[in-house]
């Protein structure tokens, strides 16, 4: 990541040095304020998996599994930046913004078991939801090449990310009831749609951003800006928490069945993490005011 960041910064500085021409329509101003927004492509996508195989006294080869697939929606990013130019071609840009989007999930669960020569199997699906927001705060090196009414800009630099995520989903857990009457075992097996969650959690990440823009001057002080920018933040993994309580079995064999905290914890320990990637690609535009 550090190599990519310094490589992007070096490209900005070299490009500005090679393309330096102090004859743009908006040259001479030291400061500019940018307001921008546009379409963003989210990066969070993955699947958490749960699975178990066990035997009862009567039921054998009991298999249960659940895949909780999730993908962040694309959305809108809004931001603002203040740029200080050392000269007509090199400067520093300070800015930030916010990107917030939903992260829906779908659970695909299945199970099967044998009682003698009889095989029982079934499946179900359930939908859940989540949320992801990230606030990037960046300090970029920027290079500008001016050509008449149009400025071409490149920028890259370190970025601090203030992130928050939350998710709710439905998992699967199998259990059984065994009763022995006069030495004869009677067993009921069922599977339960356990509520699972990632509580609202905040964390800080450190990455970078890089991109470019085109400024079309409307006057010496005001320009229309079109830009594309990639924001990179390292992914983070979260462990699902399952909620204990009373549940009704999906097979209808065990109703108002209590799932205890140790059982819920066991299911959580056997579920792969929920992986959040706050990185996103933004393309949009706005206005730049030169001071």
C-alpha atoms as a PDB file:
ATOM      1  CA  UNK A   1       0.000   0.000   0.000  1.00  0.00           C
ATOM      2  CA  UNK A   2       2.843   2.416   0.871  1.00  0.00           C
ATOM      3  CA  UNK A   3       4.515   1.752  -2.489  1.00  0.00           C
ATOM      4  CA  UNK A   4       1.271   2.502  -4.328  1.00  0.00           C
ATOM      5  CA  UNK A   5       0.779   5.733  -2.367  1.00  0.00           C
ATOM      6  CA  UNK A   6       4.288   7.057  -2.954  1.00  0.00           C
ATOM      7  CA  UNK A   7       4.139   5.970  -6.580  1.00  0.00           C
ATOM      8  CA  UNK A   8       0.938   7.978  -7.107  1.00  0.00           C
ATOM      9  CA  UNK A   9       2.424  11.044  -5.393  1.00  0.00           C
ATOM     10  CA  UNK A  10       5.580  10.800  -7.486  1.00  0.00           C
ATOM     11  CA  UNK A  11       3.493  10.652 -10.673  1.00  0.00           C
ATOM     12  CA  UNK A  12       1.680  13.835  -9.611  1.00  0.00           C
ATOM     13  CA  UNK A  13       4.898  15.724  -8.968  1.00  0.00           C
ATOM     14  CA  UNK A  14       6.672  14.540 -12.117  1.00  0.00           C
ATOM     15  CA  UNK A  15       3.632  15.275 -14.306  1.00  0.00           C
ATOM     16  CA  UNK A  16       3.320  18.770 -12.911  1.00  0.00           C
ATOM     17  CA  UNK A  17       7.005  19.464 -13.491  1.00  0.00           C
ATOM     18  CA  UNK A  18       6.965  18.179 -17.057  1.00  0.00           C
ATOM     19  CA  UNK A  19       3.736  19.899 -18.074  1.00  0.00           C
ATOM     20  CA  UNK A  20       4.310  23.214 -16.324  1.00  0.00           C
ATOM     21  CA  UNK A  21       2.795  26.134 -18.259  1.00  0.00           C
ATOM     22  CA  UNK A  22       1.747  29.190 -16.228  1.00  0.00           C
ATOM     23  CA  UNK A  23      -0.733  30.550 -18.756  1.00  0.00           C
ATOM     24  CA  UNK A  24      -4.102  29.214 -17.612  1.00  0.00           C
ATOM     25  CA  UNK A  25      -7.249  31.296 -17.321  1.00  0.00           C
ATOM     26  CA  UNK A  26      -7.320  30.860 -13.539  1.00  0.00           C
ATOM     27  CA  UNK A  27      -3.606  31.201 -12.749  1.00  0.00           C
ATOM     28  CA  UNK A  28      -2.326  33.519 -10.063  1.00  0.00           C
ATOM     29  CA  UNK A  29      -4.790  32.573  -7.295  1.00  0.00           C
ATOM     30  CA  UNK A  30      -3.224  30.791  -4.345  1.00  0.00           C
ATOM     31  CA  UNK A  31      -6.371  29.204  -2.910  1.00  0.00           C
ATOM     32  CA  UNK A  32      -9.413  27.427  -4.288  1.00  0.00           C
ATOM     33  CA  UNK A  33     -12.454  25.825  -2.663  1.00  0.00           C
ATOM     34  CA  UNK A  34     -14.087  22.804  -4.298  1.00  0.00           C
ATOM     35  CA  UNK A  35     -17.554  21.369  -3.696  1.00  0.00           C
ATOM     36  CA  UNK A  36     -18.251  18.063  -5.417  1.00  0.00           C
ATOM     37  CA  UNK A  37     -20.396  14.951  -5.477  1.00  0.00           C
ATOM     38  CA  UNK A  38     -21.312  12.033  -7.664  1.00  0.00           C
ATOM     39  CA  UNK A  39     -21.726   8.309  -8.231  1.00  0.00           C
ATOM     40  CA  UNK A  40     -19.640   5.861  -6.205  1.00  0.00           C
ATOM     41  CA  UNK A  41     -18.911   2.154  -6.638  1.00  0.00           C
ATOM     42  CA  UNK A  42     -18.721   0.293  -3.299  1.00  0.00           C
ATOM     43  CA  UNK A  43     -16.257  -2.549  -2.661  1.00  0.00           C
ATOM     44  CA  UNK A  44     -17.810  -4.504   0.226  1.00  0.00           C
ATOM     45  CA  UNK A  45     -18.848  -7.954  -0.947  1.00  0.00           C
ATOM     46  CA  UNK A  46     -18.545 -11.439   0.536  1.00  0.00           C
ATOM     47  CA  UNK A  47     -20.122 -14.521   2.092  1.00  0.00           C
ATOM     48  CA  UNK A  48     -20.124 -15.724   5.686  1.00  0.00           C
ATOM     49  CA  UNK A  49     -20.483 -19.499   5.964  1.00  0.00           C
ATOM     50  CA  UNK A  50     -21.803 -21.754   8.708  1.00  0.00           C
ATOM     51  CA  UNK A  51     -21.819 -25.552   8.685  1.00  0.00           C
ATOM     52  CA  UNK A  52     -22.092 -28.549  11.005  1.00  0.00           C
ATOM     53  CA  UNK A  53     -22.487 -32.337  10.844  1.00  0.00           C
ATOM     54  CA  UNK A  54     -23.579 -34.437  13.806  1.00  0.00           C
ATOM     55  CA  UNK A  55     -25.511 -37.543  14.876  1.00  0.00           C
ATOM     56  CA  UNK A  56     -28.433 -38.011  17.206  1.00  0.00           C
ATOM     57  CA  UNK A  57     -29.387 -41.330  18.734  1.00  0.00           C
ATOM     58  CA  UNK A  58     -32.041 -42.116  16.131  1.00  0.00           C
ATOM     59  CA  UNK A  59     -31.296 -39.508  13.434  1.00  0.00           C
ATOM     60  CA  UNK A  60     -27.939 -39.878  11.737  1.00  0.00           C
ATOM     61  CA  UNK A  61     -25.786 -37.862   9.334  1.00  0.00           C
ATOM     62  CA  UNK A  62     -27.419 -34.613  10.343  1.00  0.00           C
ATOM     63  CA  UNK A  63     -26.006 -31.872   8.096  1.00  0.00           C
ATOM     64  CA  UNK A  64     -26.783 -28.173   8.285  1.00  0.00           C
ATOM     65  CA  UNK A  65     -25.285 -25.214   6.427  1.00  0.00           C
ATOM     66  CA  UNK A  66     -25.952 -21.548   5.756  1.00  0.00           C
ATOM     67  CA  UNK A  67     -24.330 -19.047   3.407  1.00  0.00           C
ATOM     68  CA  UNK A  68     -24.919 -15.397   4.269  1.00  0.00           C
ATOM     69  CA  UNK A  69     -24.050 -13.439   1.125  1.00  0.00           C
ATOM     70  CA  UNK A  70     -23.781  -9.651   1.268  1.00  0.00           C
ATOM     71  CA  UNK A  71     -22.914  -6.827  -1.115  1.00  0.00           C
ATOM     72  CA  UNK A  72     -22.898  -3.073  -0.571  1.00  0.00           C
ATOM     73  CA  UNK A  73     -25.078  -0.952  -2.800  1.00  0.00           C
ATOM     74  CA  UNK A  74     -23.509   1.714  -4.960  1.00  0.00           C
ATOM     75  CA  UNK A  75     -24.304   5.214  -3.795  1.00  0.00           C
ATOM     76  CA  UNK A  76     -23.423   8.878  -3.732  1.00  0.00           C
ATOM     77  CA  UNK A  77     -20.319  10.580  -2.344  1.00  0.00           C
ATOM     78  CA  UNK A  78     -20.275  14.239  -1.296  1.00  0.00           C
ATOM     79  CA  UNK A  79     -17.142  16.185  -0.434  1.00  0.00           C
ATOM     80  CA  UNK A  80     -15.297  19.459  -0.232  1.00  0.00           C
ATOM     81  CA  UNK A  81     -11.648  20.477  -0.502  1.00  0.00           C
ATOM     82  CA  UNK A  82      -9.375  23.462   0.014  1.00  0.00           C
ATOM     83  CA  UNK A  83      -6.351  23.705  -2.283  1.00  0.00           C
ATOM     84  CA  UNK A  84      -3.250  25.858  -1.731  1.00  0.00           C
ATOM     85  CA  UNK A  85      -0.940  26.302  -4.716  1.00  0.00           C
ATOM     86  CA  UNK A  86       2.781  26.857  -4.098  1.00  0.00           C
ATOM     87  CA  UNK A  87       2.990  28.049  -7.687  1.00  0.00           C
ATOM     88  CA  UNK A  88       0.898  27.681 -10.843  1.00  0.00           C
ATOM     89  CA  UNK A  89       1.606  23.948 -11.043  1.00  0.00           C
ATOM     90  CA  UNK A  90       2.206  22.438  -7.594  1.00  0.00           C
ATOM     91  CA  UNK A  91       0.068  22.530  -4.471  1.00  0.00           C
ATOM     92  CA  UNK A  92      -1.504  20.807  -1.472  1.00  0.00           C
ATOM     93  CA  UNK A  93      -5.156  19.861  -1.170  1.00  0.00           C
ATOM     94  CA  UNK A  94      -7.001  19.273   2.108  1.00  0.00           C
ATOM     95  CA  UNK A  95     -10.476  17.798   2.015  1.00  0.00           C
ATOM     96  CA  UNK A  96     -13.007  15.255   3.089  1.00  0.00           C
ATOM     97  CA  UNK A  97     -16.440  13.859   2.406  1.00  0.00           C
ATOM     98  CA  UNK A  98     -18.926  11.155   3.250  1.00  0.00           C
ATOM     99  CA  UNK A  99     -20.072   7.957   1.547  1.00  0.00           C
ATOM    100  CA  UNK A 100     -22.941   6.016   3.129  1.00  0.00           C
ATOM    101  CA  UNK A 101     -24.734   3.017   1.667  1.00  0.00           C
ATOM    102  CA  UNK A 102     -26.855  -0.018   2.520  1.00  0.00           C
ATOM    103  CA  UNK A 103     -25.405  -3.531   2.638  1.00  0.00           C
ATOM    104  CA  UNK A 104     -28.270  -6.033   2.123  1.00  0.00           C
ATOM    105  CA  UNK A 105     -27.676  -9.741   2.720  1.00  0.00           C
ATOM    106  CA  UNK A 106     -29.329 -12.993   1.668  1.00  0.00           C
ATOM    107  CA  UNK A 107     -29.142 -16.268   3.615  1.00  0.00           C
ATOM    108  CA  UNK A 108     -29.343 -19.579   1.754  1.00  0.00           C
ATOM    109  CA  UNK A 109     -29.678 -22.422   4.273  1.00  0.00           C
ATOM    110  CA  UNK A 110     -30.155 -26.171   3.855  1.00  0.00           C
ATOM    111  CA  UNK A 111     -30.236 -29.303   5.974  1.00  0.00           C
ATOM    112  CA  UNK A 112     -30.711 -33.052   5.785  1.00  0.00           C
ATOM    113  CA  UNK A 113     -30.750 -36.107   8.079  1.00  0.00           C
ATOM    114  CA  UNK A 114     -31.386 -39.858   7.987  1.00  0.00           C
ATOM    115  CA  UNK A 115     -33.809 -41.885  10.091  1.00  0.00           C
ATOM    116  CA  UNK A 116     -33.294 -45.465   9.030  1.00  0.00           C
ATOM    117  CA  UNK A 117     -33.606 -45.455   5.260  1.00  0.00           C
ATOM    118  CA  UNK A 118     -35.676 -42.253   5.207  1.00  0.00           C
ATOM    119  CA  UNK A 119     -33.894 -39.038   4.229  1.00  0.00           C
ATOM    120  CA  UNK A 120     -35.360 -35.677   5.185  1.00  0.00           C
ATOM    121  CA  UNK A 121     -33.970 -32.544   3.556  1.00  0.00           C
ATOM    122  CA  UNK A 122     -35.123 -29.001   3.094  1.00  0.00           C
ATOM    123  CA  UNK A 123     -33.916 -25.441   2.573  1.00  0.00           C
ATOM    124  CA  UNK A 124     -34.955 -21.865   3.141  1.00  0.00           C
ATOM    125  CA  UNK A 125     -33.894 -18.317   2.291  1.00  0.00           C
ATOM    126  CA  UNK A 126     -34.056 -15.108   4.272  1.00  0.00           C
ATOM    127  CA  UNK A 127     -33.140 -11.469   3.691  1.00  0.00           C
ATOM    128  CA  UNK A 128     -31.282  -9.115   6.006  1.00  0.00           C
ATOM    129  CA  UNK A 129     -29.828  -5.648   5.930  1.00  0.00           C
ATOM    130  CA  UNK A 130     -26.778  -3.645   6.905  1.00  0.00           C
ATOM    131  CA  UNK A 131     -25.248  -0.218   6.678  1.00  0.00           C
ATOM    132  CA  UNK A 132     -21.796   1.134   5.925  1.00  0.00           C
ATOM    133  CA  UNK A 133     -20.566   4.705   6.100  1.00  0.00           C
ATOM    134  CA  UNK A 134     -17.088   6.124   5.665  1.00  0.00           C
ATOM    135  CA  UNK A 135     -15.706   9.633   6.050  1.00  0.00           C
ATOM    136  CA  UNK A 136     -12.367  10.058   4.229  1.00  0.00           C
ATOM    137  CA  UNK A 137     -10.169  12.977   5.316  1.00  0.00           C
ATOM    138  CA  UNK A 138      -7.305  13.507   2.907  1.00  0.00           C
ATOM    139  CA  UNK A 139      -4.182  15.592   2.318  1.00  0.00           C
ATOM    140  CA  UNK A 140      -3.090  15.376  -1.324  1.00  0.00           C
ATOM    141  CA  UNK A 141      -0.188  16.575  -3.370  1.00  0.00           C
ATOM    142  CA  UNK A 142      -1.690  18.096  -6.486  1.00  0.00           C
ATOM    143  CA  UNK A 143      -0.268  19.005  -9.865  1.00  0.00           C
ATOM    144  CA  UNK A 144      -1.958  21.283 -12.411  1.00  0.00           C
ATOM    145  CA  UNK A 145      -1.446  21.798 -16.132  1.00  0.00           C
ATOM    146  CA  UNK A 146      -3.326  24.801 -17.540  1.00  0.00           C
ATOM    147  CA  UNK A 147      -4.339  25.250 -21.143  1.00  0.00           C
ATOM    148  CA  UNK A 148      -6.488  28.273 -21.817  1.00  0.00           C
ATOM    149  CA  UNK A 149      -9.897  27.844 -20.238  1.00  0.00           C
ATOM    150  CA  UNK A 150      -9.174  24.273 -19.124  1.00  0.00           C
ATOM    151  CA  UNK A 151      -7.060  23.010 -16.216  1.00  0.00           C
ATOM    152  CA  UNK A 152      -5.971  19.371 -15.880  1.00  0.00           C
ATOM    153  CA  UNK A 153      -5.250  18.196 -12.313  1.00  0.00           C
ATOM    154  CA  UNK A 154      -3.702  15.117 -10.753  1.00  0.00           C
ATOM    155  CA  UNK A 155      -3.773  14.416  -7.014  1.00  0.00           C
ATOM    156  CA  UNK A 156      -2.810  11.710  -4.550  1.00  0.00           C
ATOM    157  CA  UNK A 157      -2.081  11.478  -0.860  1.00  0.00           C
ATOM    158  CA  UNK A 158      -2.628   9.809   2.514  1.00  0.00           C
ATOM    159  CA  UNK A 159      -6.168   9.495   3.787  1.00  0.00           C
ATOM    160  CA  UNK A 160      -7.693   8.931   7.225  1.00  0.00           C
ATOM    161  CA  UNK A 161     -10.980   6.994   7.191  1.00  0.00           C
ATOM    162  CA  UNK A 162     -13.654   7.219   9.888  1.00  0.00           C
ATOM    163  CA  UNK A 163     -15.824   4.139   9.350  1.00  0.00           C
ATOM    164  CA  UNK A 164     -18.993   2.672  10.808  1.00  0.00           C
ATOM    165  CA  UNK A 165     -20.846  -0.555   9.983  1.00  0.00           C
ATOM    166  CA  UNK A 166     -23.815  -2.600  11.215  1.00  0.00           C
ATOM    167  CA  UNK A 167     -25.655  -5.690   9.964  1.00  0.00           C
ATOM    168  CA  UNK A 168     -28.605  -7.941  10.812  1.00  0.00           C
ATOM    169  CA  UNK A 169     -29.119 -11.378   9.263  1.00  0.00           C
ATOM    170  CA  UNK A 170     -30.674 -14.795   9.903  1.00  0.00           C
ATOM    171  CA  UNK A 171     -28.601 -17.923  10.403  1.00  0.00           C
ATOM    172  CA  UNK A 172     -29.294 -21.610  11.057  1.00  0.00           C
ATOM    173  CA  UNK A 173     -28.895 -23.938  14.037  1.00  0.00           C
ATOM    174  CA  UNK A 174     -30.031 -27.532  14.461  1.00  0.00           C
ATOM    175  CA  UNK A 175     -31.082 -29.214  17.715  1.00  0.00           C
ATOM    176  CA  UNK A 176     -32.902 -32.330  18.859  1.00  0.00           C
ATOM    177  CA  UNK A 177     -35.205 -33.642  21.578  1.00  0.00           C
ATOM    178  CA  UNK A 178     -34.685 -37.216  22.751  1.00  0.00           C
ATOM    179  CA  UNK A 179     -37.177 -39.122  24.923  1.00  0.00           C
ATOM    180  CA  UNK A 180     -36.732 -42.759  25.935  1.00  0.00           C
ATOM    181  CA  UNK A 181     -39.903 -44.649  26.851  1.00  0.00           C
ATOM    182  CA  UNK A 182     -39.543 -48.187  28.161  1.00  0.00           C
ATOM    183  CA  UNK A 183     -36.115 -48.346  26.595  1.00  0.00           C
ATOM    184  CA  UNK A 184     -37.344 -47.147  23.199  1.00  0.00           C
ATOM    185  CA  UNK A 185     -35.796 -43.846  21.937  1.00  0.00           C
ATOM    186  CA  UNK A 186     -38.009 -41.230  20.316  1.00  0.00           C
ATOM    187  CA  UNK A 187     -36.204 -38.290  18.713  1.00  0.00           C
ATOM    188  CA  UNK A 188     -37.332 -35.061  17.089  1.00  0.00           C
ATOM    189  CA  UNK A 189     -34.881 -33.013  15.012  1.00  0.00           C
ATOM    190  CA  UNK A 190     -35.447 -29.430  13.906  1.00  0.00           C
ATOM    191  CA  UNK A 191     -33.609 -26.405  12.573  1.00  0.00           C
ATOM    192  CA  UNK A 192     -33.996 -22.857  13.785  1.00  0.00           C
ATOM    193  CA  UNK A 193     -33.655 -19.457  12.071  1.00  0.00           C
ATOM    194  CA  UNK A 194     -31.405 -17.735  14.589  1.00  0.00           C
ATOM    195  CA  UNK A 195     -31.117 -13.955  14.543  1.00  0.00           C
ATOM    196  CA  UNK A 196     -27.536 -12.815  14.052  1.00  0.00           C
ATOM    197  CA  UNK A 197     -25.953  -9.381  14.060  1.00  0.00           C
ATOM    198  CA  UNK A 198     -22.920  -7.197  13.742  1.00  0.00           C
ATOM    199  CA  UNK A 199     -23.592  -4.441  16.308  1.00  0.00           C
ATOM    200  CA  UNK A 200     -23.004  -0.861  15.202  1.00  0.00           C
ATOM    201  CA  UNK A 201     -19.222  -0.491  15.307  1.00  0.00           C
ATOM    202  CA  UNK A 202     -16.887   2.388  14.496  1.00  0.00           C
ATOM    203  CA  UNK A 203     -13.197   2.187  13.621  1.00  0.00           C
ATOM    204  CA  UNK A 204     -10.444   4.248  12.059  1.00  0.00           C
ATOM    205  CA  UNK A 205      -8.510   3.172   8.973  1.00  0.00           C
ATOM    206  CA  UNK A 206      -5.524   4.632   7.161  1.00  0.00           C
ATOM    207  CA  UNK A 207      -5.079   4.427   3.387  1.00  0.00           C
ATOM    208  CA  UNK A 208      -4.783   6.748   0.431  1.00  0.00           C
ATOM    209  CA  UNK A 209      -6.681   8.302  -2.451  1.00  0.00           C
ATOM    210  CA  UNK A 210      -5.645   9.194  -5.986  1.00  0.00           C
ATOM    211  CA  UNK A 211      -7.347  10.642  -9.019  1.00  0.00           C
ATOM    212  CA  UNK A 212      -7.621  13.429 -11.543  1.00  0.00           C
ATOM    213  CA  UNK A 213      -9.944  16.207 -12.597  1.00  0.00           C
ATOM    214  CA  UNK A 214     -10.668  18.635 -15.403  1.00  0.00           C
ATOM    215  CA  UNK A 215     -11.640  22.229 -14.546  1.00  0.00           C
ATOM    216  CA  UNK A 216     -13.552  24.208 -17.169  1.00  0.00           C
ATOM    217  CA  UNK A 217     -13.351  27.918 -16.342  1.00  0.00           C
ATOM    218  CA  UNK A 218     -16.611  29.846 -16.342  1.00  0.00           C
ATOM    219  CA  UNK A 219     -14.819  32.988 -15.144  1.00  0.00           C
ATOM    220  CA  UNK A 220     -11.425  33.774 -13.598  1.00  0.00           C
ATOM    221  CA  UNK A 221     -12.866  32.846 -10.181  1.00  0.00           C
ATOM    222  CA  UNK A 222     -15.339  30.033 -10.939  1.00  0.00           C
ATOM    223  CA  UNK A 223     -14.850  26.721 -12.751  1.00  0.00           C
ATOM    224  CA  UNK A 224     -16.929  23.621 -13.433  1.00  0.00           C
ATOM    225  CA  UNK A 225     -14.994  20.585 -12.261  1.00  0.00           C
ATOM    226  CA  UNK A 226     -15.275  16.959 -13.457  1.00  0.00           C
ATOM    227  CA  UNK A 227     -13.277  14.376 -11.527  1.00  0.00           C
ATOM    228  CA  UNK A 228     -12.648  10.711 -10.765  1.00  0.00           C
ATOM    229  CA  UNK A 229     -10.999   9.478  -7.603  1.00  0.00           C
ATOM    230  CA  UNK A 230     -10.224   6.136  -5.966  1.00  0.00           C
ATOM    231  CA  UNK A 231     -10.342   5.888  -2.182  1.00  0.00           C
ATOM    232  CA  UNK A 232      -8.489   2.928  -0.661  1.00  0.00           C
ATOM    233  CA  UNK A 233      -8.988   1.768   2.928  1.00  0.00           C
ATOM    234  CA  UNK A 234      -7.916  -1.665   4.245  1.00  0.00           C
ATOM    235  CA  UNK A 235     -10.718  -4.143   4.875  1.00  0.00           C
ATOM    236  CA  UNK A 236     -11.749  -5.195   8.375  1.00  0.00           C
ATOM    237  CA  UNK A 237     -13.298  -8.439   9.613  1.00  0.00           C
ATOM    238  CA  UNK A 238     -16.104  -8.718  12.172  1.00  0.00           C
ATOM    239  CA  UNK A 239     -17.439 -11.763  14.022  1.00  0.00           C
ATOM    240  CA  UNK A 240     -21.149 -12.433  13.874  1.00  0.00           C
ATOM    241  CA  UNK A 241     -23.083 -12.624  17.120  1.00  0.00           C
ATOM    242  CA  UNK A 242     -26.054 -15.052  17.347  1.00  0.00           C
ATOM    243  CA  UNK A 243     -28.971 -14.212  19.619  1.00  0.00           C
ATOM    244  CA  UNK A 244     -30.289 -16.805  22.068  1.00  0.00           C
ATOM    245  CA  UNK A 245     -34.002 -17.059  22.891  1.00  0.00           C
ATOM    246  CA  UNK A 246     -37.164 -18.906  21.894  1.00  0.00           C
ATOM    247  CA  UNK A 247     -37.462 -20.017  18.269  1.00  0.00           C
ATOM    248  CA  UNK A 248     -39.864 -22.101  16.214  1.00  0.00           C
ATOM    249  CA  UNK A 249     -38.381 -24.944  14.198  1.00  0.00           C
ATOM    250  CA  UNK A 250     -38.544 -24.684  10.430  1.00  0.00           C
ATOM    251  CA  UNK A 251     -39.598 -28.367  10.179  1.00  0.00           C
ATOM    252  CA  UNK A 252     -42.387 -27.811  12.717  1.00  0.00           C
ATOM    253  CA  UNK A 253     -41.085 -30.557  15.013  1.00  0.00           C
ATOM    254  CA  UNK A 254     -39.936 -28.319  17.873  1.00  0.00           C
ATOM    255  CA  UNK A 255     -41.933 -25.187  18.619  1.00  0.00           C
ATOM    256  CA  UNK A 256     -41.057 -22.454  21.149  1.00  0.00           C
ATOM    257  CA  UNK A 257     -37.704 -24.143  21.528  1.00  0.00           C
ATOM    258  CA  UNK A 258     -35.103 -22.375  23.642  1.00  0.00           C
ATOM    259  CA  UNK A 259     -31.671 -21.806  22.162  1.00  0.00           C
ATOM    260  CA  UNK A 260     -29.283 -21.155  25.053  1.00  0.00           C
ATOM    261  CA  UNK A 261     -26.415 -18.611  25.023  1.00  0.00           C
ATOM    262  CA  UNK A 262     -23.740 -21.331  24.852  1.00  0.00           C
ATOM    263  CA  UNK A 263     -25.432 -22.786  21.756  1.00  0.00           C
ATOM    264  CA  UNK A 264     -25.655 -19.345  20.139  1.00  0.00           C
ATOM    265  CA  UNK A 265     -21.974 -18.773  20.925  1.00  0.00           C
ATOM    266  CA  UNK A 266     -21.070 -22.128  19.411  1.00  0.00           C
ATOM    267  CA  UNK A 267     -22.858 -21.219  16.167  1.00  0.00           C
ATOM    268  CA  UNK A 268     -21.007 -17.880  16.093  1.00  0.00           C
ATOM    269  CA  UNK A 269     -17.649 -19.599  16.569  1.00  0.00           C
ATOM    270  CA  UNK A 270     -18.392 -21.801  13.554  1.00  0.00           C
ATOM    271  CA  UNK A 271     -19.383 -18.933  11.249  1.00  0.00           C
ATOM    272  CA  UNK A 272     -16.772 -17.222   9.097  1.00  0.00           C
ATOM    273  CA  UNK A 273     -16.347 -13.447   9.588  1.00  0.00           C
ATOM    274  CA  UNK A 274     -18.168 -10.578   7.965  1.00  0.00           C
ATOM    275  CA  UNK A 275     -15.624  -8.636   5.889  1.00  0.00           C
ATOM    276  CA  UNK A 276     -16.071  -4.920   5.280  1.00  0.00           C
ATOM    277  CA  UNK A 277     -14.076  -3.071   2.616  1.00  0.00           C
ATOM    278  CA  UNK A 278     -14.650   0.713   2.899  1.00  0.00           C
ATOM    279  CA  UNK A 279     -12.773   1.425  -0.369  1.00  0.00           C
ATOM    280  CA  UNK A 280     -14.760   2.966  -3.213  1.00  0.00           C
ATOM    281  CA  UNK A 281     -14.371   4.580  -6.623  1.00  0.00           C
ATOM    282  CA  UNK A 282     -15.996   7.945  -7.194  1.00  0.00           C
ATOM    283  CA  UNK A 283     -16.807   9.799 -10.404  1.00  0.00           C
ATOM    284  CA  UNK A 284     -18.668  13.093 -10.440  1.00  0.00           C
ATOM    285  CA  UNK A 285     -18.273  16.810 -10.518  1.00  0.00           C
ATOM    286  CA  UNK A 286     -18.897  20.135  -8.877  1.00  0.00           C
ATOM    287  CA  UNK A 287     -17.713  23.706  -8.712  1.00  0.00           C
ATOM    288  CA  UNK A 288     -14.365  25.261  -7.852  1.00  0.00           C
ATOM    289  CA  UNK A 289     -14.099  28.795  -6.510  1.00  0.00           C
ATOM    290  CA  UNK A 290     -10.678  30.430  -6.856  1.00  0.00           C
ATOM    291  CA  UNK A 291      -9.595  32.997  -4.293  1.00  0.00           C
END
